[in-house]
Amino acid sequence: PVLGVIVGSVRAGRVGPTVARWFVRHAEADGRFEVRV
């Protein structure tokens, strides 16, 4: 199944992409989903 990971903040200097990358790596390692950002 496809898991859509939405980075919700658009502010300059945001931390969201760092948090999202951590989660995406974790979800990909889990292997149950095809992950899209």
PDB file of all heavy atoms in Angstrom:
ATOM      1  N   PRO A   1       0.843  -1.204   0.000  1.00  0.00           N
ATOM      2  CA  PRO A   1       0.000   0.000   0.000  1.00  0.00           C
ATOM      3  C   PRO A   1       0.873   1.246   0.000  1.00  0.00           C
ATOM      4  O   PRO A   1       2.021   1.229   0.448  1.00  0.00           O
ATOM      5  CB  PRO A   1      -0.805  -0.119   1.289  1.00  0.00           C
ATOM      6  CG  PRO A   1      -0.021  -1.033   2.163  1.00  0.00           C
ATOM      7  CD  PRO A   1       0.739  -1.949   1.247  1.00  0.00           C
ATOM      8  N   VAL A   2       0.315   2.339  -0.492  1.00  0.00           N
ATOM      9  CA  VAL A   2       1.050   3.603  -0.593  1.00  0.00           C
ATOM     10  C   VAL A   2       0.722   4.473   0.617  1.00  0.00           C
ATOM     11  O   VAL A   2      -0.447   4.726   0.910  1.00  0.00           O
ATOM     12  CB  VAL A   2       0.693   4.341  -1.900  1.00  0.00           C
ATOM     13  CG1 VAL A   2       1.413   5.686  -1.974  1.00  0.00           C
ATOM     14  CG2 VAL A   2       1.037   3.475  -3.107  1.00  0.00           C
ATOM     15  N   LEU A   3       1.770   4.916   1.296  1.00  0.00           N
ATOM     16  CA  LEU A   3       1.644   5.802   2.444  1.00  0.00           C
ATOM     17  C   LEU A   3       2.098   7.196   2.022  1.00  0.00           C
ATOM     18  O   LEU A   3       3.256   7.390   1.651  1.00  0.00           O
ATOM     19  CB  LEU A   3       2.509   5.307   3.605  1.00  0.00           C
ATOM     20  CG  LEU A   3       2.535   6.180   4.863  1.00  0.00           C
ATOM     21  CD1 LEU A   3       1.150   6.221   5.514  1.00  0.00           C
ATOM     22  CD2 LEU A   3       3.572   5.651   5.842  1.00  0.00           C
ATOM     23  N   GLY A   4       1.184   8.147   2.058  1.00  0.00           N
ATOM     24  CA  GLY A   4       1.509   9.536   1.747  1.00  0.00           C
ATOM     25  C   GLY A   4       1.909  10.273   3.008  1.00  0.00           C
ATOM     26  O   GLY A   4       1.129  10.343   3.952  1.00  0.00           O
ATOM     27  N   VAL A   5       3.118  10.791   3.027  1.00  0.00           N
ATOM     28  CA  VAL A   5       3.627  11.545   4.174  1.00  0.00           C
ATOM     29  C   VAL A   5       3.603  13.024   3.793  1.00  0.00           C
ATOM     30  O   VAL A   5       4.316  13.448   2.885  1.00  0.00           O
ATOM     31  CB  VAL A   5       5.049  11.100   4.560  1.00  0.00           C
ATOM     32  CG1 VAL A   5       5.573  11.949   5.713  1.00  0.00           C
ATOM     33  CG2 VAL A   5       5.057   9.618   4.919  1.00  0.00           C
ATOM     34  N   ILE A   6       2.775  13.796   4.474  1.00  0.00           N
ATOM     35  CA  ILE A   6       2.594  15.207   4.166  1.00  0.00           C
ATOM     36  C   ILE A   6       3.375  16.067   5.151  1.00  0.00           C
ATOM     37  O   ILE A   6       3.169  15.980   6.358  1.00  0.00           O
ATOM     38  CB  ILE A   6       1.104  15.592   4.218  1.00  0.00           C
ATOM     39  CG1 ILE A   6       0.325  14.773   3.201  1.00  0.00           C
ATOM     40  CG2 ILE A   6       0.929  17.087   3.973  1.00  0.00           C
ATOM     41  CD1 ILE A   6      -1.169  14.961   3.295  1.00  0.00           C
ATOM     42  N   VAL A   7       4.278  16.891   4.615  1.00  0.00           N
ATOM     43  CA  VAL A   7       5.017  17.852   5.436  1.00  0.00           C
ATOM     44  C   VAL A   7       4.156  19.105   5.487  1.00  0.00           C
ATOM     45  O   VAL A   7       3.983  19.794   4.485  1.00  0.00           O
ATOM     46  CB  VAL A   7       6.408  18.157   4.836  1.00  0.00           C
ATOM     47  CG1 VAL A   7       7.172  19.122   5.746  1.00  0.00           C
ATOM     48  CG2 VAL A   7       7.191  16.869   4.618  1.00  0.00           C
ATOM     49  N   GLY A   8       3.572  19.395   6.659  1.00  0.00           N
ATOM     50  CA  GLY A   8       2.539  20.410   6.771  1.00  0.00           C
ATOM     51  C   GLY A   8       2.975  21.843   6.927  1.00  0.00           C
ATOM     52  O   GLY A   8       2.203  22.751   6.684  1.00  0.00           O
ATOM     53  N   SER A   9       4.209  22.097   7.330  1.00  0.00           N
ATOM     54  CA  SER A   9       4.662  23.471   7.525  1.00  0.00           C
ATOM     55  C   SER A   9       5.308  23.995   6.253  1.00  0.00           C
ATOM     56  O   SER A   9       6.009  23.263   5.562  1.00  0.00           O
ATOM     57  CB  SER A   9       5.677  23.540   8.660  1.00  0.00           C
ATOM     58  OG  SER A   9       6.237  24.833   8.739  1.00  0.00           O
ATOM     59  N   VAL A  10       5.086  25.278   5.986  1.00  0.00           N
ATOM     60  CA  VAL A  10       5.708  25.915   4.823  1.00  0.00           C
ATOM     61  C   VAL A  10       6.597  27.086   5.231  1.00  0.00           C
ATOM     62  O   VAL A  10       7.106  27.792   4.375  1.00  0.00           O
ATOM     63  CB  VAL A  10       4.647  26.380   3.796  1.00  0.00           C
ATOM     64  CG1 VAL A  10       3.842  25.202   3.282  1.00  0.00           C
ATOM     65  CG2 VAL A  10       3.717  27.435   4.383  1.00  0.00           C
ATOM     66  N   ARG A  11       6.793  27.300   6.517  1.00  0.00           N
ATOM     67  CA  ARG A  11       7.592  28.426   7.005  1.00  0.00           C
ATOM     68  C   ARG A  11       9.059  28.303   6.613  1.00  0.00           C
ATOM     69  O   ARG A  11       9.609  27.203   6.578  1.00  0.00           O
ATOM     70  CB  ARG A  11       7.534  28.496   8.525  1.00  0.00           C
ATOM     71  CG  ARG A  11       6.262  29.034   9.076  1.00  0.00           C
ATOM     72  CD  ARG A  11       6.389  29.226  10.573  1.00  0.00           C
ATOM     73  NE  ARG A  11       5.163  29.774  11.122  1.00  0.00           N
ATOM     74  CZ  ARG A  11       4.981  30.033  12.397  1.00  0.00           C
ATOM     75  NH1 ARG A  11       5.954  29.789  13.274  1.00  0.00           N
ATOM     76  NH2 ARG A  11       3.854  30.533  12.828  1.00  0.00           N
ATOM     77  N   ALA A  12       9.676  29.428   6.383  1.00  0.00           N
ATOM     78  CA  ALA A  12      11.131  29.459   6.167  1.00  0.00           C
ATOM     79  C   ALA A  12      11.820  29.027   7.458  1.00  0.00           C
ATOM     80  O   ALA A  12      11.366  29.361   8.554  1.00  0.00           O
ATOM     81  CB  ALA A  12      11.567  30.866   5.778  1.00  0.00           C
ATOM     82  N   GLY A  13      12.873  28.259   7.352  1.00  0.00           N
ATOM     83  CA  GLY A  13      13.613  27.812   8.522  1.00  0.00           C
ATOM     84  C   GLY A  13      12.924  26.708   9.302  1.00  0.00           C
ATOM     85  O   GLY A  13      13.304  26.411  10.430  1.00  0.00           O
ATOM     86  N   ARG A  14      11.937  26.087   8.728  1.00  0.00           N
ATOM     87  CA  ARG A  14      11.145  25.055   9.423  1.00  0.00           C
ATOM     88  C   ARG A  14      11.953  23.793   9.708  1.00  0.00           C
ATOM     89  O   ARG A  14      12.952  23.518   9.046  1.00  0.00           O
ATOM     90  CB  ARG A  14       9.927  24.708   8.568  1.00  0.00           C
ATOM     91  CG  ARG A  14      10.298  24.080   7.246  1.00  0.00           C
ATOM     92  CD  ARG A  14       9.223  24.269   6.192  1.00  0.00           C
ATOM     93  NE  ARG A  14       9.774  23.856   4.917  1.00  0.00           N
ATOM     94  CZ  ARG A  14       9.302  22.883   4.182  1.00  0.00           C
ATOM     95  NH1 ARG A  14       8.216  22.244   4.544  1.00  0.00           N
ATOM     96  NH2 ARG A  14       9.883  22.547   3.060  1.00  0.00           N
ATOM     97  N   VAL A  15      11.503  23.024  10.680  1.00  0.00           N
ATOM     98  CA  VAL A  15      12.143  21.780  11.087  1.00  0.00           C
ATOM     99  C   VAL A  15      11.417  20.584  10.464  1.00  0.00           C
ATOM    100  O   VAL A  15      11.929  19.469  10.462  1.00  0.00           O
ATOM    101  CB  VAL A  15      12.144  21.673  12.634  1.00  0.00           C
ATOM    102  CG1 VAL A  15      12.816  20.412  13.109  1.00  0.00           C
ATOM    103  CG2 VAL A  15      12.811  22.888  13.245  1.00  0.00           C
ATOM    104  N   GLY A  16      10.253  20.819   9.904  1.00  0.00           N
ATOM    105  CA  GLY A  16       9.423  19.749   9.358  1.00  0.00           C
ATOM    106  C   GLY A  16      10.120  18.774   8.433  1.00  0.00           C
ATOM    107  O   GLY A  16       9.931  17.556   8.570  1.00  0.00           O
ATOM    108  N   PRO A  17      10.929  19.237   7.487  1.00  0.00           N
ATOM    109  CA  PRO A  17      11.604  18.276   6.609  1.00  0.00           C
ATOM    110  C   PRO A  17      12.527  17.311   7.362  1.00  0.00           C
ATOM    111  O   PRO A  17      12.621  16.142   7.007  1.00  0.00           O
ATOM    112  CB  PRO A  17      12.388  19.169   5.648  1.00  0.00           C
ATOM    113  CG  PRO A  17      11.567  20.420   5.580  1.00  0.00           C
ATOM    114  CD  PRO A  17      11.073  20.612   6.991  1.00  0.00           C
ATOM    115  N   THR A  18      13.186  17.779   8.421  1.00  0.00           N
ATOM    116  CA  THR A  18      14.040  16.893   9.223  1.00  0.00           C
ATOM    117  C   THR A  18      13.201  15.827   9.907  1.00  0.00           C
ATOM    118  O   THR A  18      13.541  14.638   9.894  1.00  0.00           O
ATOM    119  CB  THR A  18      14.823  17.707  10.276  1.00  0.00           C
ATOM    120  OG1 THR A  18      15.633  18.662   9.600  1.00  0.00           O
ATOM    121  CG2 THR A  18      15.682  16.813  11.147  1.00  0.00           C
ATOM    122  N   VAL A  19      12.097  16.241  10.502  1.00  0.00           N
ATOM    123  CA  VAL A  19      11.197  15.301  11.178  1.00  0.00           C
ATOM    124  C   VAL A  19      10.631  14.310  10.158  1.00  0.00           C
ATOM    125  O   VAL A  19      10.602  13.100  10.407  1.00  0.00           O
ATOM    126  CB  VAL A  19      10.065  16.058  11.904  1.00  0.00           C
ATOM    127  CG1 VAL A  19       9.094  15.090  12.550  1.00  0.00           C
ATOM    128  CG2 VAL A  19      10.634  17.023  12.936  1.00  0.00           C
ATOM    129  N   ALA A  20      10.212  14.811   9.017  1.00  0.00           N
ATOM    130  CA  ALA A  20       9.634  13.946   7.979  1.00  0.00           C
ATOM    131  C   ALA A  20      10.663  12.940   7.466  1.00  0.00           C
ATOM    132  O   ALA A  20      10.339  11.756   7.275  1.00  0.00           O
ATOM    133  CB  ALA A  20       9.091  14.786   6.828  1.00  0.00           C
ATOM    134  N   ARG A  21      11.900  13.379   7.240  1.00  0.00           N
ATOM    135  CA  ARG A  21      12.941  12.448   6.764  1.00  0.00           C
ATOM    136  C   ARG A  21      13.163  11.327   7.771  1.00  0.00           C
ATOM    137  O   ARG A  21      13.333  10.164   7.396  1.00  0.00           O
ATOM    138  CB  ARG A  21      14.249  13.190   6.493  1.00  0.00           C
ATOM    139  CG  ARG A  21      14.279  13.872   5.146  1.00  0.00           C
ATOM    140  CD  ARG A  21      15.673  14.392   4.795  1.00  0.00           C
ATOM    141  NE  ARG A  21      16.168  15.404   5.713  1.00  0.00           N
ATOM    142  CZ  ARG A  21      15.901  16.701   5.607  1.00  0.00           C
ATOM    143  NH1 ARG A  21      15.145  17.149   4.622  1.00  0.00           N
ATOM    144  NH2 ARG A  21      16.396  17.553   6.485  1.00  0.00           N
ATOM    145  N   TRP A  22      13.166  11.663   9.074  1.00  0.00           N
ATOM    146  CA  TRP A  22      13.316  10.616  10.092  1.00  0.00           C
ATOM    147  C   TRP A  22      12.184   9.611   9.968  1.00  0.00           C
ATOM    148  O   TRP A  22      12.408   8.397   9.940  1.00  0.00           O
ATOM    149  CB  TRP A  22      13.341  11.222  11.502  1.00  0.00           C
ATOM    150  CG  TRP A  22      13.360  10.133  12.538  1.00  0.00           C
ATOM    151  CD1 TRP A  22      14.460   9.490  13.027  1.00  0.00           C
ATOM    152  CD2 TRP A  22      12.223   9.507  13.142  1.00  0.00           C
ATOM    153  NE1 TRP A  22      14.075   8.503  13.909  1.00  0.00           N
ATOM    154  CE2 TRP A  22      12.698   8.496  13.990  1.00  0.00           C
ATOM    155  CE3 TRP A  22      10.841   9.696  13.038  1.00  0.00           C
ATOM    156  CZ2 TRP A  22      11.864   7.688  14.741  1.00  0.00           C
ATOM    157  CZ3 TRP A  22       9.995   8.893  13.793  1.00  0.00           C
ATOM    158  CH2 TRP A  22      10.504   7.905  14.639  1.00  0.00           C
ATOM    159  N   PHE A  23      10.955  10.108   9.880  1.00  0.00           N
ATOM    160  CA  PHE A  23       9.818   9.191   9.808  1.00  0.00           C
ATOM    161  C   PHE A  23       9.842   8.375   8.515  1.00  0.00           C
ATOM    162  O   PHE A  23       9.564   7.171   8.529  1.00  0.00           O
ATOM    163  CB  PHE A  23       8.483   9.935   9.938  1.00  0.00           C
ATOM    164  CG  PHE A  23       7.334   8.989   9.823  1.00  0.00           C
ATOM    165  CD1 PHE A  23       7.013   8.146  10.867  1.00  0.00           C
ATOM    166  CD2 PHE A  23       6.616   8.887   8.638  1.00  0.00           C
ATOM    167  CE1 PHE A  23       5.978   7.223  10.755  1.00  0.00           C
ATOM    168  CE2 PHE A  23       5.589   7.978   8.512  1.00  0.00           C
ATOM    169  CZ  PHE A  23       5.272   7.136   9.575  1.00  0.00           C
ATOM    170  N   VAL A  24      10.160   9.000   7.405  1.00  0.00           N
ATOM    171  CA  VAL A  24      10.197   8.289   6.118  1.00  0.00           C
ATOM    172  C   VAL A  24      11.228   7.171   6.173  1.00  0.00           C
ATOM    173  O   VAL A  24      10.957   6.041   5.728  1.00  0.00           O
ATOM    174  CB  VAL A  24      10.464   9.269   4.958  1.00  0.00           C
ATOM    175  CG1 VAL A  24      10.849   8.541   3.687  1.00  0.00           C
ATOM    176  CG2 VAL A  24       9.240  10.143   4.723  1.00  0.00           C
ATOM    177  N   ARG A  25      12.403   7.437   6.708  1.00  0.00           N
ATOM    178  CA  ARG A  25      13.418   6.378   6.837  1.00  0.00           C
ATOM    179  C   ARG A  25      12.880   5.230   7.689  1.00  0.00           C
ATOM    180  O   ARG A  25      13.074   4.061   7.366  1.00  0.00           O
ATOM    181  CB  ARG A  25      14.712   6.934   7.452  1.00  0.00           C
ATOM    182  CG  ARG A  25      15.566   7.713   6.485  1.00  0.00           C
ATOM    183  CD  ARG A  25      16.980   7.966   7.020  1.00  0.00           C
ATOM    184  NE  ARG A  25      17.019   8.629   8.312  1.00  0.00           N
ATOM    185  CZ  ARG A  25      17.107   9.949   8.476  1.00  0.00           C
ATOM    186  NH1 ARG A  25      17.172  10.748   7.436  1.00  0.00           N
ATOM    187  NH2 ARG A  25      17.142  10.464   9.688  1.00  0.00           N
ATOM    188  N   HIS A  26      12.199   5.571   8.769  1.00  0.00           N
ATOM    189  CA  HIS A  26      11.634   4.545   9.651  1.00  0.00           C
ATOM    190  C   HIS A  26      10.559   3.737   8.925  1.00  0.00           C
ATOM    191  O   HIS A  26      10.545   2.508   9.010  1.00  0.00           O
ATOM    192  CB  HIS A  26      11.059   5.206  10.911  1.00  0.00           C
ATOM    193  CG  HIS A  26      10.759   4.226  11.989  1.00  0.00           C
ATOM    194  ND1 HIS A  26      11.707   3.804  12.891  1.00  0.00           N
ATOM    195  CD2 HIS A  26       9.622   3.557  12.287  1.00  0.00           C
ATOM    196  CE1 HIS A  26      11.152   2.920  13.707  1.00  0.00           C
ATOM    197  NE2 HIS A  26       9.893   2.763  13.365  1.00  0.00           N
ATOM    198  N   ALA A  27       9.678   4.410   8.210  1.00  0.00           N
ATOM    199  CA  ALA A  27       8.596   3.727   7.496  1.00  0.00           C
ATOM    200  C   ALA A  27       9.142   2.857   6.362  1.00  0.00           C
ATOM    201  O   ALA A  27       8.646   1.741   6.132  1.00  0.00           O
ATOM    202  CB  ALA A  27       7.597   4.747   6.948  1.00  0.00           C
ATOM    203  N   GLU A  28      10.144   3.342   5.660  1.00  0.00           N
ATOM    204  CA  GLU A  28      10.740   2.538   4.588  1.00  0.00           C
ATOM    205  C   GLU A  28      11.427   1.295   5.144  1.00  0.00           C
ATOM    206  O   GLU A  28      11.327   0.211   4.573  1.00  0.00           O
ATOM    207  CB  GLU A  28      11.713   3.382   3.768  1.00  0.00           C
ATOM    208  CG  GLU A  28      11.000   4.397   2.899  1.00  0.00           C
ATOM    209  CD  GLU A  28      11.936   5.352   2.177  1.00  0.00           C
ATOM    210  OE1 GLU A  28      13.107   5.497   2.592  1.00  0.00           O
ATOM    211  OE2 GLU A  28      11.475   5.970   1.200  1.00  0.00           O
ATOM    212  N   ALA A  29      12.113   1.438   6.274  1.00  0.00           N
ATOM    213  CA  ALA A  29      12.768   0.294   6.909  1.00  0.00           C
ATOM    214  C   ALA A  29      11.744  -0.723   7.409  1.00  0.00           C
ATOM    215  O   ALA A  29      12.000  -1.929   7.396  1.00  0.00           O
ATOM    216  CB  ALA A  29      13.653   0.766   8.066  1.00  0.00           C
ATOM    217  N   ASP A  30      10.581  -0.244   7.803  1.00  0.00           N
ATOM    218  CA  ASP A  30       9.497  -1.114   8.254  1.00  0.00           C
ATOM    219  C   ASP A  30       9.046  -2.034   7.115  1.00  0.00           C
ATOM    220  O   ASP A  30       8.753  -3.201   7.326  1.00  0.00           O
ATOM    221  CB  ASP A  30       8.337  -0.253   8.766  1.00  0.00           C
ATOM    222  CG  ASP A  30       7.143  -1.068   9.185  1.00  0.00           C
ATOM    223  OD1 ASP A  30       7.071  -1.461  10.364  1.00  0.00           O
ATOM    224  OD2 ASP A  30       6.267  -1.322   8.324  1.00  0.00           O
ATOM    225  N   GLY A  31       8.965  -1.492   5.909  1.00  0.00           N
ATOM    226  CA  GLY A  31       8.688  -2.296   4.732  1.00  0.00           C
ATOM    227  C   GLY A  31       7.235  -2.594   4.398  1.00  0.00           C
ATOM    228  O   GLY A  31       6.962  -3.241   3.394  1.00  0.00           O
ATOM    229  N   ARG A  32       6.306  -2.124   5.205  1.00  0.00           N
ATOM    230  CA  ARG A  32       4.895  -2.428   4.915  1.00  0.00           C
ATOM    231  C   ARG A  32       4.275  -1.501   3.886  1.00  0.00           C
ATOM    232  O   ARG A  32       3.189  -1.800   3.368  1.00  0.00           O
ATOM    233  CB  ARG A  32       4.068  -2.370   6.200  1.00  0.00           C
ATOM    234  CG  ARG A  32       4.314  -3.554   7.100  1.00  0.00           C
ATOM    235  CD  ARG A  32       3.443  -3.487   8.317  1.00  0.00           C
ATOM    236  NE  ARG A  32       4.177  -2.806   9.375  1.00  0.00           N
ATOM    237  CZ  ARG A  32       3.834  -2.848  10.657  1.00  0.00           C
ATOM    238  NH1 ARG A  32       2.767  -3.509  11.023  1.00  0.00           N
ATOM    239  NH2 ARG A  32       4.558  -2.214  11.551  1.00  0.00           N
ATOM    240  N   PHE A  33       4.922  -0.384   3.597  1.00  0.00           N
ATOM    241  CA  PHE A  33       4.360   0.618   2.698  1.00  0.00           C
ATOM    242  C   PHE A  33       5.373   1.051   1.646  1.00  0.00           C
ATOM    243  O   PHE A  33       6.576   1.057   1.893  1.00  0.00           O
ATOM    244  CB  PHE A  33       3.951   1.877   3.480  1.00  0.00           C
ATOM    245  CG  PHE A  33       2.770   1.704   4.370  1.00  0.00           C
ATOM    246  CD1 PHE A  33       2.944   1.438   5.719  1.00  0.00           C
ATOM    247  CD2 PHE A  33       1.485   1.839   3.872  1.00  0.00           C
ATOM    248  CE1 PHE A  33       1.849   1.302   6.560  1.00  0.00           C
ATOM    249  CE2 PHE A  33       0.387   1.708   4.700  1.00  0.00           C
ATOM    250  CZ  PHE A  33       0.566   1.429   6.044  1.00  0.00           C
ATOM    251  N   GLU A  34       4.846   1.466   0.515  1.00  0.00           N
ATOM    252  CA  GLU A  34       5.606   2.288  -0.415  1.00  0.00           C
ATOM    253  C   GLU A  34       5.372   3.712   0.063  1.00  0.00           C
ATOM    254  O   GLU A  34       4.221   4.129   0.204  1.00  0.00           O
ATOM    255  CB  GLU A  34       5.077   2.122  -1.841  1.00  0.00           C
ATOM    256  CG  GLU A  34       5.720   3.047  -2.829  1.00  0.00           C
ATOM    257  CD  GLU A  34       5.062   3.011  -4.191  1.00  0.00           C
ATOM    258  OE1 GLU A  34       4.471   1.982  -4.555  1.00  0.00           O
ATOM    259  OE2 GLU A  34       5.117   4.047  -4.883  1.00  0.00           O
ATOM    260  N   VAL A  35       6.420   4.442   0.349  1.00  0.00           N
ATOM    261  CA  VAL A  35       6.288   5.756   0.973  1.00  0.00           C
ATOM    262  C   VAL A  35       6.483   6.855  -0.065  1.00  0.00           C
ATOM    263  O   VAL A  35       7.441   6.832  -0.832  1.00  0.00           O
ATOM    264  CB  VAL A  35       7.305   5.925   2.124  1.00  0.00           C
ATOM    265  CG1 VAL A  35       7.136   7.279   2.792  1.00  0.00           C
ATOM    266  CG2 VAL A  35       7.152   4.791   3.143  1.00  0.00           C
ATOM    267  N   ARG A  36       5.556   7.797  -0.066  1.00  0.00           N
ATOM    268  CA  ARG A  36       5.655   8.983  -0.927  1.00  0.00           C
ATOM    269  C   ARG A  36       5.552  10.219  -0.047  1.00  0.00           C
ATOM    270  O   ARG A  36       4.743  10.272   0.869  1.00  0.00           O
ATOM    271  CB  ARG A  36       4.530   9.007  -1.950  1.00  0.00           C
ATOM    272  CG  ARG A  36       4.614   7.857  -2.924  1.00  0.00           C
ATOM    273  CD  ARG A  36       3.648   8.015  -4.043  1.00  0.00           C
ATOM    274  NE  ARG A  36       3.653   6.789  -4.828  1.00  0.00           N
ATOM    275  CZ  ARG A  36       2.678   6.434  -5.628  1.00  0.00           C
ATOM    276  NH1 ARG A  36       1.621   7.200  -5.761  1.00  0.00           N
ATOM    277  NH2 ARG A  36       2.756   5.308  -6.307  1.00  0.00           N
ATOM    278  N   VAL A  37       6.331  11.233  -0.379  1.00  0.00           N
ATOM    279  CA  VAL A  37       6.360  12.471   0.411  1.00  0.00           C
ATOM    280  C   VAL A  37       5.747  13.596  -0.405  1.00  0.00           C
ATOM    281  O   VAL A  37       6.053  13.752  -1.586  1.00  0.00           O
ATOM    282  CB  VAL A  37       7.799  12.840   0.813  1.00  0.00           C
ATOM    283  CG1 VAL A  37       7.828  14.162   1.565  1.00  0.00           C
ATOM    284  CG2 VAL A  37       8.422  11.726   1.641  1.00  0.00           C
TER     285      VAL A  37
END
